[in-house]
Amino acid sequence: MLRLLALLVVLITLVYPAPAWCRGYESDEEAVYDLKSRGYTLVAKDTISGQFLGNYDEVHKLYNGMVFRNIEGDYNYEYEYYPTVYVFKTVFQGRTLWQLVVDKHSYSVLRLR
């Protein structure tokens, strides 16, 4: 029974593209590679209009009109003005999951517009 449970945990972690609410990387390129390897598709590369703190519930407006809200995490001291952002998405069990990569960190977000 314990082996079956361990196998189930391994399978879930391999199949489920688990959100990395604030996973740090060595570079943006490493973050892009990691998200692509977990089944995410790069949707856009743009700039956040204004400041970026990376905090829970923070709203991010992009110049291309997309708007996102951080949906996981807590206070995270990232202070950037007009940073470059990579927008990723994947579909899991009929739900669209979104990730933003900003300054070597990935954030789980909800698309508002």
Protein backbone atom coordinates (compact mmCIF):
# COMPACT_ATOMS: atom_id res chain seq x y z
CA MET A 1 0.00 0.00 0.00
CA LEU A 2 2.83 2.40 0.86
CA ARG A 3 4.51 1.69 -2.49
CA LEU A 4 1.26 2.40 -4.30
CA LEU A 5 0.91 5.71 -2.49
CA ALA A 6 4.53 6.64 -3.31
CA LEU A 7 3.95 5.77 -6.98
CA LEU A 8 0.80 7.89 -7.03
CA VAL A 9 2.67 10.88 -5.60
CA VAL A 10 5.41 10.51 -8.22
CA LEU A 11 2.88 10.24 -11.06
CA ILE A 12 0.97 13.30 -9.86
CA THR A 13 4.14 15.39 -9.68
CA LEU A 14 5.15 14.29 -13.19
CA VAL A 15 1.76 14.89 -14.80
CA TYR A 16 0.40 17.88 -12.90
CA PRO A 17 2.02 21.17 -13.96
CA ALA A 18 2.23 22.42 -10.41
CA PRO A 19 2.28 26.20 -10.08
CA ALA A 20 5.46 27.72 -8.79
CA TRP A 21 4.00 30.75 -7.06
CA CYS A 22 7.40 32.30 -6.60
CA ARG A 23 10.10 29.96 -7.80
CA GLY A 24 13.53 31.54 -8.18
CA TYR A 25 15.87 30.84 -11.08
CA GLU A 26 19.39 31.80 -12.11
CA SER A 27 18.07 33.62 -15.21
CA ASP A 28 14.88 34.36 -17.11
CA GLU A 29 16.01 31.87 -19.75
CA GLU A 30 16.17 29.11 -17.13
CA ALA A 31 12.64 30.00 -15.98
CA VAL A 32 11.38 29.93 -19.58
CA TYR A 33 13.01 26.53 -20.15
CA ASP A 34 11.55 25.10 -16.91
CA LEU A 35 8.01 26.24 -17.65
CA LYS A 36 8.17 24.94 -21.23
CA SER A 37 9.44 21.58 -19.94
CA ARG A 38 6.41 21.42 -17.61
CA GLY A 39 3.96 21.88 -20.49
CA TYR A 40 3.49 25.66 -20.44
CA THR A 41 3.36 27.65 -23.69
CA LEU A 42 4.90 31.09 -24.06
CA VAL A 43 2.04 33.43 -24.95
CA ALA A 44 3.70 36.84 -24.82
CA LYS A 45 6.80 38.79 -23.87
CA ASP A 46 5.89 42.30 -22.78
CA THR A 47 6.45 44.99 -20.15
CA ILE A 48 4.50 45.59 -16.96
CA SER A 49 3.03 49.09 -16.91
CA GLY A 50 4.42 50.58 -13.70
CA GLN A 51 5.94 48.98 -10.65
CA PHE A 52 6.13 45.30 -9.75
CA LEU A 53 6.37 44.07 -6.16
CA GLY A 54 5.44 40.40 -6.62
CA ASN A 55 3.04 40.33 -3.67
CA TYR A 56 -0.07 38.20 -3.19
CA ASP A 57 -3.19 39.75 -4.76
CA GLU A 58 -1.16 42.37 -6.65
CA VAL A 59 -2.58 43.32 -10.07
CA HIS A 60 -0.22 43.55 -13.05
CA LYS A 61 -1.20 45.51 -16.15
CA LEU A 62 0.80 44.84 -19.30
CA TYR A 63 1.22 47.24 -22.21
CA ASN A 64 -0.46 44.74 -24.56
CA GLY A 65 -3.69 45.04 -22.52
CA MET A 66 -3.44 41.80 -20.54
CA VAL A 67 -4.14 42.09 -16.80
CA PHE A 68 -3.17 39.52 -14.16
CA ARG A 69 -3.49 39.09 -10.39
CA ASN A 70 -1.07 37.09 -8.20
CA ILE A 71 -3.07 34.21 -6.74
CA GLU A 72 -0.55 32.50 -4.47
CA GLY A 73 2.18 33.44 -2.10
CA ASP A 74 2.64 36.17 0.43
CA TYR A 75 4.88 39.20 0.75
CA ASN A 76 7.82 38.95 -1.61
CA TYR A 77 10.21 41.87 -1.87
CA GLU A 78 10.69 42.34 -5.59
CA TYR A 79 10.82 45.97 -6.57
CA GLU A 80 11.03 46.61 -10.29
CA TYR A 81 9.82 49.47 -12.47
CA TYR A 82 8.51 48.54 -15.92
CA PRO A 83 10.07 45.06 -15.89
CA THR A 84 10.05 42.66 -18.80
CA VAL A 85 7.51 39.87 -18.28
CA TYR A 86 7.07 36.49 -19.96
CA VAL A 87 3.48 35.21 -20.00
CA PHE A 88 2.87 31.44 -20.02
CA LYS A 89 -0.24 29.30 -19.99
CA THR A 90 -1.23 25.65 -19.92
CA VAL A 91 -4.51 23.78 -19.66
CA PHE A 92 -4.97 21.22 -16.91
CA GLN A 93 -8.27 19.40 -16.28
CA GLY A 94 -10.13 21.98 -18.35
CA ARG A 95 -8.66 24.97 -16.45
CA THR A 96 -6.22 27.45 -17.91
CA LEU A 97 -3.26 28.01 -15.60
CA TRP A 98 -1.15 31.14 -16.03
CA GLN A 99 2.43 31.92 -14.99
CA LEU A 100 4.40 35.15 -15.24
CA VAL A 101 8.19 35.25 -15.25
CA VAL A 102 9.59 38.51 -13.90
CA ASP A 103 13.20 39.11 -12.93
CA LYS A 104 14.19 35.43 -12.58
CA HIS A 105 11.04 34.42 -10.65
CA SER A 106 7.83 32.73 -11.78
CA TYR A 107 4.45 33.62 -10.29
CA SER A 108 1.09 31.85 -10.51
CA VAL A 109 -1.49 34.36 -11.65
CA LEU A 110 -5.14 34.68 -12.64
CA ARG A 111 -5.89 36.44 -15.91
CA LEU A 112 -8.40 39.25 -15.40
CA ARG A 113 -8.37 40.61 -18.95
